[in-house]
Each structure stands twice: as C-alpha cells, then as structure tokens.
Amino acid sequence: MKKIILGFCSLLIILASCKKVDDSSVFTQSADQRLTAALAKDQAKLSGAQYGWKALVRTNAGGNFTFYFSFNDSNRVKMLSSFDSASAVTLKESSFRLKALQQPSLLFDTYSYLHVLADPNPASAGGAAGAGLQSDFEFYFDDANSTDDKIELVGRFNGTKTTLTRATQAERDAFLNGDLAKGLVINKILNYYKRITIGNTDSVDAYVDARSSYIISPDATGNLLDDSLGTNYTLTLGGLAFAKPLVVGTKTLSELSNINFDATTNSITAVGDGQPITITGVVTPMRVDVNAPSRWWNFAAGQGSYWITETGFHINGVDDAQHIQNLPGYYGFSIFWPEYGTSGGVNYDLFAPIVANSSGNASLAYGAAYRPPVFNADGRVVFRYLGTLGTVPGGANATYVAMRTQLAITRGYYLVQISNDPVSPAYHMVSAADGKAWITWLF
C-alpha cells in the first residue's frame, strides 16, 4: 500500500512539473516584445541626451580614458577621446547598433577611437601584441547600476567597465572647444622624470606612463617599487584628476587644472588644489640608486643569461624609435647578454636583435659587442662599443647602427628598478645625457 501511495504521489509530482505555466498574469508582453521595448528605451536614452555623454573607459591594461559621445537616432555616433592630442580635438563619426545578445547590448560596429584601445597591433595603442590595451567596443547594459543620467556598460569580451554620464551644455562646449587635450600637455615634457613642484618648496620626481594612465614617484632608494607612491589619473576638461592624492614633499596633490605648456622653457604651469604648480623635465633625478647598474648587470651575468627588450628604445616620446620591430625576420625581442664571449682577450657584452632563421626558429645572427661596462660612482653605467658580431643584412643596417650607437652614448645610463621579483626582475635604463631616451629590460 505504501508503494502504491508513493507511486501515486510521484505521478502527481511529475504531472505538476510537466504542466505548462501560464505567465500571462506576470508579463503582458512576450520575451521578444519586452526585449524590443528595452532596446527602444536604450536608444531613446542614448540619443535623447541633448548635450551628449561624457564617459570614462577603464581598460584591463590599467589605463583610464575620457571620451565624449553624441548619439543620434540614425545609429551614428560622434566621439572624442583622451588617447592622444589628435583624438582629443577631432570628432570622429562611426556607426553603432543596439542588439539583443543574451541581454541588450551596445555595439560600436565601425572602426572608432574605442577600437584603437583594443587594436591588437602594438603600433596602434602600445598594448600587448594580439591584445591591445585589453579594452572593448561591444558592451552590454548594466541596468542595475544605471540611472536616468548615468549608463553603466560592461565589455562583452574583456569585461571592461565604461561609465557614461549625461553631459551639461558647458561640458559639451568644453569638449568641442578642445579642453580635453589640455591635460595631455604633460606628455609634451619628453623626459623620463618630470619634477612636480608645489609653490617653491615641495617637489617630487614622477614617472608618467601615458598608456596606463599611471604616475609614480621613486621610493627612498630611487626605484619605482613602492606602489603606494603611485596613482592612476584621468584626463579632465582642462587638466588631470588623480585617483588618490600624489605625495609631493610634505603635501599632496589630487588634481591639476588650468594646465599650460611653455615650449621655450620645456615646462608646465598649472593650479593644483588651489596652489601654483610647475612641472619641468629632469635629466638627473633627486634620488639615484647608485648600485642599480651593477645589480642589473650582475643578475644576468651570474646566471650566464641575458635581459630582453621587446621594443628597444623609447626616444623623444616615440616608442620603438629605431623601428627594431620592423627588422627583417624580427622574432619579437632583442637581448643584452653580459659576458657573451671573448675577443682579443676582452670579455664582451652583446646587444642583439633575435631574428628568425631559415627554419623559422629564433636565432642570434648578428649584434653589437661592447667592452666591459664602466660603473660610475654617481650611478651611471657607460657602454663602450667594441665591434660587430656576425654579418648585418643590408635591410637591417640603418636600425642596427642606430641601436648600437644609442647604447654607447658617452654619458651612459641610470638604471631604475621597476620590479623586484626575485626570479624575473625588470628595469628601466634611462639616458643620463638628456633623460629623453630609455629602454625596458625584462628577465
């Protein structure tokens, strides 16, 4: 009897679970109708902003970029971007679509300033090959965190967060007048270190990574290893805003406004937190780790190994200024190998691009040899050219000569450690001649 009752109860449960639920009392429209209505609402909201939208795009590579968007009801959008001085003042028009992809989504479907951030070609945005700055140009609406005057978007591929805020008339006018470009003048000072001074008393040297929208000052040893001394920044209309205050001597700085560049003096004047600010280029920083050059050299020499650089020298504001990535067969990196070999009784170091051989494998075909480096007491290392190893192909000669000559500048280089990973440290090697050339060494 118990089995019969249990079986009957099970049948009732199955029948109940198979019964079609009538949701007409819950929803008066079908799922497709509701989705269509949501898309129409989003379209009206985007194009209905009389003065457009100001936006903050946060890439997974760490950069914060300010945008201005003006959408119309014909699926066209005009935009500005803080990526560079051209995109900050030149309106670019492209198309967009609203589409149902599991959830209502906003797709920028022709190449735009947003696509530049995601471009997999390192030459476009300076990001990683194949990934760009890990940004997005297709988003879904995060309605739970949006309001009438704010739209939160989430990237569909990288999950990057973008916030659109309804612009005022004054903000729209400022965008169109080119005020977004004013904060970019910080990049006009081409020196590795920029000295920020509040009034005439408090100063700090700061390294600015424009691609990551990051600024950091040296620690007590002269290296960039203390993250508490760094902060992300965002371009504002007329200046910069720091995610957290930057320590400048005994004071702190949270924003810069009224920022102006003087090409004659290679300096910037601004107002920061109501105080006068000056920013100048620096050749010799206030803090130098005099042991960094020998520590860098000995780390690789002690392991019979080498340092690598992917893009060679950054010179006068230009990444890969000598175009090593365009060398015939370039394999993606170059090396500096301490005590690579011996010639005429001299133990020499080697600076060489790695290129593909006839089988497509990485090979060391040619390079520049240098005598043992000279480590100066003031923290500079000087490299002395010895000769060429191997045969340089004709198509590579101009770049090769530029590389070998740059490394052998008379004043030499300062070394700034940027990672103290015990297995894979990293350094910036900065020209002591003018502070406008540097190279990144990874292990």
Protein backbone atom coordinates (compact mmCIF):
# COMPACT_ATOMS: atom_id res chain seq x y z
CA MET A 1 0.00 0.00 0.00
CA LYS A 2 2.80 2.40 0.88
CA LYS A 3 4.39 1.70 -2.52
CA ILE A 4 1.09 2.47 -4.27
CA ILE A 5 0.61 5.72 -2.37
CA LEU A 6 4.22 6.77 -3.01
CA GLY A 7 3.86 5.91 -6.68
CA PHE A 8 0.65 7.94 -6.91
CA CYS A 9 2.32 10.88 -5.21
CA SER A 10 5.27 10.65 -7.60
CA LEU A 11 2.86 10.68 -10.53
CA LEU A 12 1.21 13.81 -9.17
CA ILE A 13 4.61 15.49 -8.85
CA ILE A 14 5.54 14.57 -12.43
CA LEU A 15 2.20 15.78 -13.74
CA ALA A 16 2.55 19.01 -11.81
CA SER A 17 6.08 19.58 -13.10
CA CYS A 18 5.01 18.97 -16.70
CA LYS A 19 2.10 21.37 -16.53
CA LYS A 20 2.68 24.43 -18.74
CA VAL A 21 2.86 27.58 -16.67
CA ASP A 22 0.74 30.47 -17.86
CA ASP A 23 2.82 33.61 -17.24
CA SER A 24 0.28 35.93 -18.79
CA SER A 25 -0.63 37.16 -15.33
CA VAL A 26 3.03 38.11 -14.75
CA PHE A 27 4.03 39.55 -18.14
CA THR A 28 1.65 41.27 -20.53
CA GLN A 29 4.23 41.01 -23.36
CA SER A 30 6.31 38.18 -24.77
CA ALA A 31 10.04 37.96 -24.10
CA ASP A 32 10.78 39.29 -27.61
CA GLN A 33 8.41 42.19 -27.12
CA ARG A 34 10.00 43.07 -23.79
CA LEU A 35 13.49 42.94 -25.32
CA THR A 36 12.44 45.12 -28.23
CA ALA A 37 10.99 47.64 -25.80
CA ALA A 38 14.20 47.63 -23.74
CA LEU A 39 16.30 48.31 -26.85
CA ALA A 40 13.99 51.13 -27.88
CA LYS A 41 14.27 52.62 -24.40
CA ASP A 42 18.09 52.44 -24.53
CA GLN A 43 18.10 54.03 -27.98
CA ALA A 44 15.93 56.88 -26.79
CA LYS A 45 18.12 57.40 -23.75
CA LEU A 46 21.36 57.49 -25.75
CA SER A 47 20.13 59.82 -28.47
CA GLY A 48 17.94 61.84 -26.12
CA ALA A 49 20.87 63.35 -24.21
CA GLN A 50 20.73 66.91 -25.56
CA TYR A 51 24.39 67.64 -24.88
CA GLY A 52 25.75 64.12 -25.31
CA TRP A 53 27.61 61.95 -22.80
CA LYS A 54 30.97 62.21 -21.10
CA ALA A 55 32.47 58.78 -20.48
CA LEU A 56 35.23 57.02 -18.59
CA VAL A 57 36.63 53.88 -20.23
CA ARG A 58 38.73 51.66 -17.95
CA THR A 59 40.91 49.19 -19.82
CA ASN A 60 42.18 45.94 -18.34
CA ALA A 61 45.72 47.09 -19.10
CA GLY A 62 45.26 49.74 -16.42
CA GLY A 63 44.53 52.86 -18.43
CA ASN A 64 41.67 55.30 -17.81
CA PHE A 65 40.49 57.16 -20.91
CA THR A 66 37.99 60.00 -21.10
CA PHE A 67 35.54 60.04 -24.02
CA TYR A 68 32.76 62.25 -25.30
CA PHE A 69 29.86 60.63 -27.20
CA SER A 70 26.99 62.20 -29.10
CA PHE A 71 24.49 59.60 -30.37
CA ASN A 72 21.69 60.26 -32.82
CA ASP A 73 18.59 58.23 -33.67
CA SER A 74 20.05 57.06 -37.01
CA ASN A 75 22.68 54.80 -35.44
CA ARG A 76 25.53 57.28 -35.82
CA VAL A 77 27.80 58.48 -33.03
CA LYS A 78 30.40 61.24 -32.88
CA MET A 79 33.17 60.94 -30.34
CA LEU A 80 36.32 62.42 -28.84
CA SER A 81 38.95 60.52 -26.87
CA SER A 82 41.77 61.39 -24.50
CA PHE A 83 44.00 58.78 -26.15
CA ASP A 84 46.14 61.40 -27.88
CA SER A 85 46.20 65.07 -28.85
CA ALA A 86 44.50 64.39 -32.21
CA SER A 87 41.62 62.27 -30.90
CA ALA A 88 41.02 64.77 -28.10
CA VAL A 89 40.14 67.58 -30.53
CA THR A 90 38.96 65.81 -33.69
CA LEU A 91 35.40 64.49 -33.73
CA LYS A 92 35.24 61.03 -35.30
CA GLU A 93 31.94 59.70 -36.57
CA SER A 94 31.14 56.00 -36.76
CA SER A 95 28.14 53.72 -36.51
CA PHE A 96 26.64 51.86 -33.59
CA ARG A 97 23.92 49.26 -33.13
CA LEU A 98 21.71 48.16 -30.30
CA LYS A 99 21.23 44.42 -30.40
CA ALA A 100 19.86 41.62 -28.24
CA LEU A 101 22.80 39.32 -27.38
CA GLN A 102 21.52 37.49 -24.30
CA GLN A 103 20.98 40.97 -22.92
CA PRO A 104 20.53 44.41 -24.56
CA SER A 105 23.93 45.38 -25.97
CA LEU A 106 25.59 48.44 -27.49
CA LEU A 107 27.92 47.63 -30.38
CA PHE A 108 30.31 50.13 -31.97
CA ASP A 109 30.50 48.36 -35.32
CA THR A 110 32.85 50.50 -37.41
CA TYR A 111 36.42 51.44 -36.50
CA SER A 112 36.47 54.25 -33.94
CA TYR A 113 38.56 55.67 -31.14
CA LEU A 114 37.25 52.82 -28.97
CA HIS A 115 38.70 50.32 -31.41
CA VAL A 116 42.12 51.98 -31.15
CA LEU A 117 42.32 50.94 -27.49
CA ALA A 118 41.51 47.35 -28.40
CA ASP A 119 43.66 47.22 -31.54
CA PRO A 120 45.90 44.11 -31.38
CA ASN A 121 48.65 45.89 -33.30
CA PRO A 122 51.09 47.34 -30.70
CA ALA A 123 51.80 50.23 -33.06
CA SER A 124 48.23 51.50 -32.62
CA ALA A 125 47.92 51.84 -28.87
CA GLY A 126 51.14 50.47 -27.45
CA GLY A 127 49.42 47.47 -25.88
CA ALA A 128 50.41 43.83 -25.98
CA ALA A 129 50.59 42.16 -29.38
CA GLY A 130 47.31 40.42 -30.10
CA ALA A 131 45.52 42.08 -27.17
CA GLY A 132 45.98 45.83 -27.39
CA LEU A 133 45.05 47.56 -24.13
CA GLN A 134 42.51 44.80 -23.40
CA SER A 135 39.56 47.05 -23.99
CA ASP A 136 36.16 46.53 -25.63
CA PHE A 137 33.95 48.02 -28.32
CA GLU A 138 30.93 45.79 -27.68
CA PHE A 139 29.11 46.23 -24.38
CA TYR A 140 26.02 45.12 -22.54
CA PHE A 141 23.95 47.46 -20.38
CA ASP A 142 24.38 47.09 -16.63
CA ASP A 143 20.89 48.35 -15.84
CA ALA A 144 21.10 47.51 -12.15
CA ASN A 145 23.76 50.17 -11.65
CA SER A 146 22.47 52.73 -14.15
CA THR A 147 20.25 55.77 -13.58
CA ASP A 148 18.47 58.30 -15.79
CA ASP A 149 21.66 60.36 -16.03
CA LYS A 150 24.22 57.53 -15.96
CA ILE A 151 24.73 54.40 -18.04
CA GLU A 152 26.99 51.62 -16.88
CA LEU A 153 28.39 49.36 -19.60
CA VAL A 154 30.36 46.11 -19.34
CA GLY A 155 32.55 44.85 -22.18
CA ARG A 156 31.34 41.65 -23.78
CA PHE A 157 34.84 40.27 -24.45
CA ASN A 158 37.24 41.68 -21.85
CA GLY A 159 34.66 42.78 -19.27
CA THR A 160 35.99 46.33 -19.22
CA LYS A 161 33.88 48.86 -17.34
CA THR A 162 32.66 52.05 -19.01
CA THR A 163 30.55 54.77 -17.41
CA LEU A 164 28.56 57.28 -19.45
CA THR A 165 27.32 60.38 -17.63
CA ARG A 166 24.93 62.87 -19.19
CA ALA A 167 26.93 65.98 -20.15
CA THR A 168 25.90 69.52 -19.39
CA GLN A 169 25.89 72.24 -22.03
CA ALA A 170 29.06 73.72 -20.54
CA GLU A 171 30.79 70.33 -20.63
CA ARG A 172 29.71 69.71 -24.22
CA ASP A 173 31.06 73.11 -25.24
CA ALA A 174 34.34 72.45 -23.42
CA PHE A 175 34.78 69.10 -25.19
CA LEU A 176 34.10 70.69 -28.57
CA ASN A 177 36.48 73.57 -27.78
CA GLY A 178 39.36 71.10 -27.27
CA ASP A 179 39.66 71.33 -23.49
CA LEU A 180 40.11 67.56 -23.22
CA ALA A 181 43.53 67.90 -24.86
CA LYS A 182 44.87 70.28 -22.23
CA GLY A 183 45.80 67.56 -19.76
CA LEU A 184 47.79 65.78 -22.46
CA VAL A 185 50.41 68.50 -22.37
CA ILE A 186 52.01 66.54 -19.53
CA ASN A 187 53.29 64.27 -22.31
CA LYS A 188 54.97 67.20 -24.07
CA ILE A 189 57.73 67.04 -21.47
CA LEU A 190 59.67 64.18 -23.03
CA ASN A 191 61.98 63.44 -20.09
CA TYR A 192 61.65 60.17 -18.22
CA TYR A 193 61.22 62.07 -14.97
CA LYS A 194 59.02 65.12 -14.57
CA ARG A 195 59.64 67.24 -11.49
CA ILE A 196 56.41 68.46 -9.91
CA THR A 197 56.75 71.42 -7.56
CA ILE A 198 54.06 72.95 -5.36
CA GLY A 199 54.78 76.63 -4.82
CA ASN A 200 58.52 76.99 -4.39
CA THR A 201 59.04 74.43 -1.66
CA ASP A 202 57.74 70.89 -2.13
CA SER A 203 58.92 68.81 -5.10
CA VAL A 204 58.86 65.23 -6.32
CA ASP A 205 60.16 63.49 -9.43
CA ALA A 206 57.45 61.48 -11.15
CA TYR A 207 57.41 58.92 -13.94
CA VAL A 208 54.29 59.10 -16.11
CA ASP A 209 53.09 56.06 -18.05
CA ALA A 210 50.65 57.60 -20.52
CA ARG A 211 49.39 54.27 -21.88
CA SER A 212 48.42 53.04 -18.43
CA SER A 213 47.34 56.48 -17.15
CA TYR A 214 49.66 55.94 -14.20
CA ILE A 215 52.04 58.24 -12.36
CA ILE A 216 54.54 57.15 -9.70
CA SER A 217 57.43 58.73 -7.83
CA PRO A 218 60.67 56.99 -6.74
CA ASP A 219 61.00 55.37 -3.33
CA ALA A 220 63.78 56.17 -0.88
CA THR A 221 66.28 54.12 -2.91
CA GLY A 222 65.43 55.83 -6.21
CA ASN A 223 63.47 52.93 -7.72
CA LEU A 224 59.81 52.55 -8.74
CA LEU A 225 58.95 49.69 -6.43
CA ASP A 226 56.56 51.26 -3.91
CA ASP A 227 53.03 51.17 -5.34
CA SER A 228 51.81 53.42 -2.53
CA LEU A 229 53.73 56.24 -4.23
CA GLY A 230 51.76 55.82 -7.45
CA THR A 231 48.23 56.55 -8.62
CA ASN A 232 46.10 56.33 -11.74
CA TYR A 233 44.98 59.57 -13.31
CA THR A 234 42.14 60.60 -15.58
CA LEU A 235 42.09 63.43 -18.09
CA THR A 236 39.51 66.04 -17.20
CA LEU A 237 38.34 69.09 -19.12
CA GLY A 238 41.38 71.31 -18.70
CA GLY A 239 43.61 69.09 -16.61
CA LEU A 240 44.12 65.85 -14.67
CA ALA A 241 42.49 64.16 -11.70
CA PHE A 242 44.36 61.61 -9.58
CA ALA A 243 42.59 58.50 -8.27
CA LYS A 244 44.32 59.11 -4.94
CA PRO A 245 46.42 62.09 -3.88
CA LEU A 246 50.01 62.15 -5.13
CA VAL A 247 52.54 62.83 -2.38
CA VAL A 248 54.68 65.88 -3.19
CA GLY A 249 57.16 66.51 -0.41
CA THR A 250 55.14 67.38 2.69
CA LYS A 251 51.98 67.99 0.67
CA THR A 252 49.57 66.06 -1.52
CA LEU A 253 48.07 66.78 -4.90
CA SER A 254 44.67 65.49 -6.05
CA GLU A 255 44.15 67.36 -9.33
CA LEU A 256 45.62 69.73 -11.88
CA SER A 257 43.68 72.44 -13.69
CA ASN A 258 44.50 75.49 -15.82
CA ILE A 259 47.38 73.48 -17.22
CA ASN A 260 49.62 75.14 -19.83
CA PHE A 261 52.83 74.11 -21.59
CA ASP A 262 55.68 76.53 -22.38
CA ALA A 263 57.80 75.08 -25.18
CA THR A 264 60.54 77.67 -24.61
CA THR A 265 61.23 76.53 -21.07
CA ASN A 266 60.03 72.93 -21.58
CA SER A 267 57.83 73.37 -18.53
CA ILE A 268 54.20 73.32 -17.45
CA THR A 269 52.32 75.66 -15.15
CA ALA A 270 49.06 74.67 -13.53
CA VAL A 271 46.87 75.03 -10.48
CA GLY A 272 46.65 72.09 -8.12
CA ASP A 273 44.26 72.06 -5.20
CA GLY A 274 44.28 75.86 -5.35
CA GLN A 275 48.08 76.16 -5.32
CA PRO A 276 50.51 77.12 -8.12
CA ILE A 277 52.21 74.11 -9.71
CA THR A 278 55.21 73.86 -12.01
CA ILE A 279 56.33 70.74 -13.87
CA THR A 280 59.75 70.54 -15.53
CA GLY A 281 61.77 67.86 -17.29
CA VAL A 282 64.57 66.21 -15.32
CA VAL A 283 67.83 64.68 -16.51
CA THR A 284 69.36 63.75 -13.15
CA PRO A 285 66.70 62.74 -10.61
CA MET A 286 66.80 63.74 -6.96
CA ARG A 287 67.15 60.07 -5.97
CA VAL A 288 69.51 57.72 -7.79
CA ASP A 289 70.18 54.11 -6.86
CA VAL A 290 73.93 54.11 -7.48
CA ASN A 291 74.05 50.31 -7.12
CA ALA A 292 71.28 49.60 -9.64
CA PRO A 293 73.52 49.40 -12.76
CA SER A 294 75.89 46.81 -11.30
CA ARG A 295 72.97 44.91 -9.73
CA TRP A 296 71.26 44.78 -13.12
CA TRP A 297 74.39 43.63 -14.96
CA ASN A 298 75.42 41.05 -12.37
CA PHE A 299 71.96 39.47 -12.17
CA ALA A 300 72.18 38.20 -15.75
CA ALA A 301 75.95 37.64 -15.77
CA GLY A 302 75.76 35.50 -12.66
CA GLN A 303 73.34 33.15 -14.40
CA GLY A 304 75.08 33.12 -17.77
CA SER A 305 71.90 34.59 -19.21
CA TYR A 306 70.51 37.78 -20.75
CA TRP A 307 68.00 40.60 -20.48
CA ILE A 308 65.34 41.10 -23.15
CA THR A 309 63.54 44.11 -24.61
CA GLU A 310 60.60 43.85 -26.95
CA THR A 311 60.55 47.32 -28.47
CA GLY A 312 64.02 48.74 -27.92
CA PHE A 313 64.47 52.42 -27.12
CA HIS A 314 61.73 54.95 -26.45
CA ILE A 315 63.23 58.25 -27.67
CA ASN A 316 61.73 61.75 -27.62
CA GLY A 317 58.24 60.46 -26.94
CA VAL A 318 58.31 57.71 -29.59
CA ASP A 319 58.07 54.01 -28.72
CA ASP A 320 60.44 51.79 -30.72
CA ALA A 321 62.00 54.93 -32.11
CA GLN A 322 64.58 52.91 -34.06
CA HIS A 323 61.98 50.54 -35.56
CA ILE A 324 63.54 47.31 -34.35
CA GLN A 325 60.17 45.61 -34.70
CA ASN A 326 60.49 46.20 -38.45
CA LEU A 327 63.82 44.40 -38.75
CA PRO A 328 63.73 41.58 -41.33
CA GLY A 329 62.67 38.41 -39.53
CA TYR A 330 62.42 40.10 -36.13
CA TYR A 331 61.37 37.44 -33.62
CA GLY A 332 59.75 39.81 -31.14
CA PHE A 333 62.62 40.72 -28.82
CA SER A 334 66.25 41.78 -28.54
CA ILE A 335 68.76 40.84 -25.88
CA PHE A 336 71.60 42.24 -23.80
CA TRP A 337 73.91 39.38 -22.79
CA PRO A 338 76.71 40.21 -20.30
CA GLU A 339 80.00 38.41 -20.97
CA TYR A 340 78.63 36.75 -24.08
CA GLY A 341 82.06 35.95 -25.49
CA THR A 342 85.76 36.83 -25.71
CA SER A 343 87.60 38.67 -28.47
CA GLY A 344 91.30 39.57 -28.35
CA GLY A 345 91.37 38.76 -24.64
CA VAL A 346 88.39 41.04 -23.93
CA ASN A 347 85.23 39.61 -22.36
CA TYR A 348 82.50 41.42 -24.25
CA ASP A 349 78.79 42.04 -23.76
CA LEU A 350 76.36 41.65 -26.65
CA PHE A 351 73.34 43.75 -27.67
CA ALA A 352 71.50 41.93 -30.45
CA PRO A 353 68.11 41.53 -32.10
CA ILE A 354 66.73 37.99 -32.25
CA VAL A 355 65.60 37.05 -35.75
CA ALA A 356 64.12 34.01 -37.43
CA ASN A 357 66.49 31.67 -39.26
CA SER A 358 65.68 29.78 -42.46
CA SER A 359 63.70 27.24 -40.43
CA GLY A 360 61.65 29.94 -38.75
CA ASN A 361 63.32 29.45 -35.36
CA ALA A 362 64.80 32.16 -33.14
CA SER A 363 68.44 32.83 -33.86
CA LEU A 364 71.22 35.21 -32.89
CA ALA A 365 72.60 36.16 -36.30
CA TYR A 366 74.33 39.47 -35.57
CA GLY A 367 74.81 42.03 -32.83
CA ALA A 368 76.95 44.77 -31.29
CA ALA A 369 79.75 43.82 -28.93
CA TYR A 370 80.79 46.12 -26.04
CA ARG A 371 83.78 46.17 -23.73
CA PRO A 372 83.08 45.53 -20.01
CA PRO A 373 80.85 48.36 -18.78
CA VAL A 374 82.12 51.20 -16.61
CA PHE A 375 80.12 51.69 -13.41
CA ASN A 376 80.46 55.25 -12.14
CA ALA A 377 80.11 56.27 -8.50
CA ASP A 378 77.22 58.62 -9.36
CA GLY A 379 75.05 55.71 -10.53
CA ARG A 380 75.77 55.83 -14.28
CA VAL A 381 76.82 52.88 -16.41
CA VAL A 382 78.72 53.52 -19.64
CA PHE A 383 78.93 51.04 -22.55
CA ARG A 384 81.90 51.16 -24.95
CA TYR A 385 81.41 49.77 -28.44
CA LEU A 386 83.91 47.08 -29.47
CA GLY A 387 82.70 45.76 -32.82
CA THR A 388 80.07 43.80 -34.71
CA LEU A 389 79.42 40.10 -34.30
CA GLY A 390 78.18 38.33 -37.43
CA THR A 391 77.02 39.95 -40.65
CA VAL A 392 74.30 42.58 -40.62
CA PRO A 393 71.94 42.23 -43.62
CA GLY A 394 71.56 45.32 -45.76
CA GLY A 395 67.91 45.81 -44.86
CA ALA A 396 68.78 45.94 -41.16
CA ASN A 397 71.88 48.12 -41.22
CA ALA A 398 70.31 51.52 -40.51
CA THR A 399 68.37 50.23 -37.49
CA TYR A 400 71.35 48.23 -36.24
CA VAL A 401 73.67 51.25 -36.36
CA ALA A 402 71.08 53.37 -34.54
CA MET A 403 70.72 50.73 -31.82
CA ARG A 404 74.43 50.21 -31.23
CA THR A 405 75.15 53.96 -31.28
CA GLN A 406 72.36 54.77 -28.81
CA LEU A 407 73.62 52.23 -26.29
CA ALA A 408 77.14 53.69 -26.45
CA ILE A 409 76.28 57.34 -25.65
CA THR A 410 79.12 58.98 -23.74
CA ARG A 411 77.15 59.92 -20.62
CA GLY A 412 75.73 56.45 -20.21
CA TYR A 413 72.60 55.48 -18.31
CA TYR A 414 70.86 55.39 -14.96
CA LEU A 415 69.05 52.19 -14.00
CA VAL A 416 65.65 52.31 -12.30
CA GLN A 417 64.29 49.02 -10.98
CA ILE A 418 60.58 48.61 -11.69
CA SER A 419 60.08 45.05 -10.43
CA ASN A 420 61.88 43.25 -7.63
CA ASP A 421 60.56 39.80 -8.47
CA PRO A 422 63.41 37.50 -7.33
CA VAL A 423 63.17 35.40 -10.50
CA SER A 424 62.05 37.94 -13.10
CA PRO A 425 63.06 41.48 -12.12
CA ALA A 426 62.71 44.40 -14.52
CA TYR A 427 64.47 47.73 -15.04
CA HIS A 428 64.23 50.94 -16.99
CA MET A 429 67.59 52.13 -18.33
CA VAL A 430 67.42 55.91 -18.74
CA SER A 431 69.74 58.17 -20.70
CA ALA A 432 71.96 60.27 -18.44
CA ALA A 433 72.59 62.63 -21.37
CA ASP A 434 69.13 64.16 -21.66
CA GLY A 435 66.65 61.87 -19.89
CA LYS A 436 64.66 61.57 -23.12
CA ALA A 437 65.66 58.04 -24.12
CA TRP A 438 65.08 54.84 -22.20
CA ILE A 439 64.67 51.13 -22.66
CA THR A 440 62.86 48.47 -20.62
CA TRP A 441 64.79 45.32 -19.66
CA LEU A 442 62.92 42.18 -18.62
CA PHE A 443 64.39 38.92 -17.37
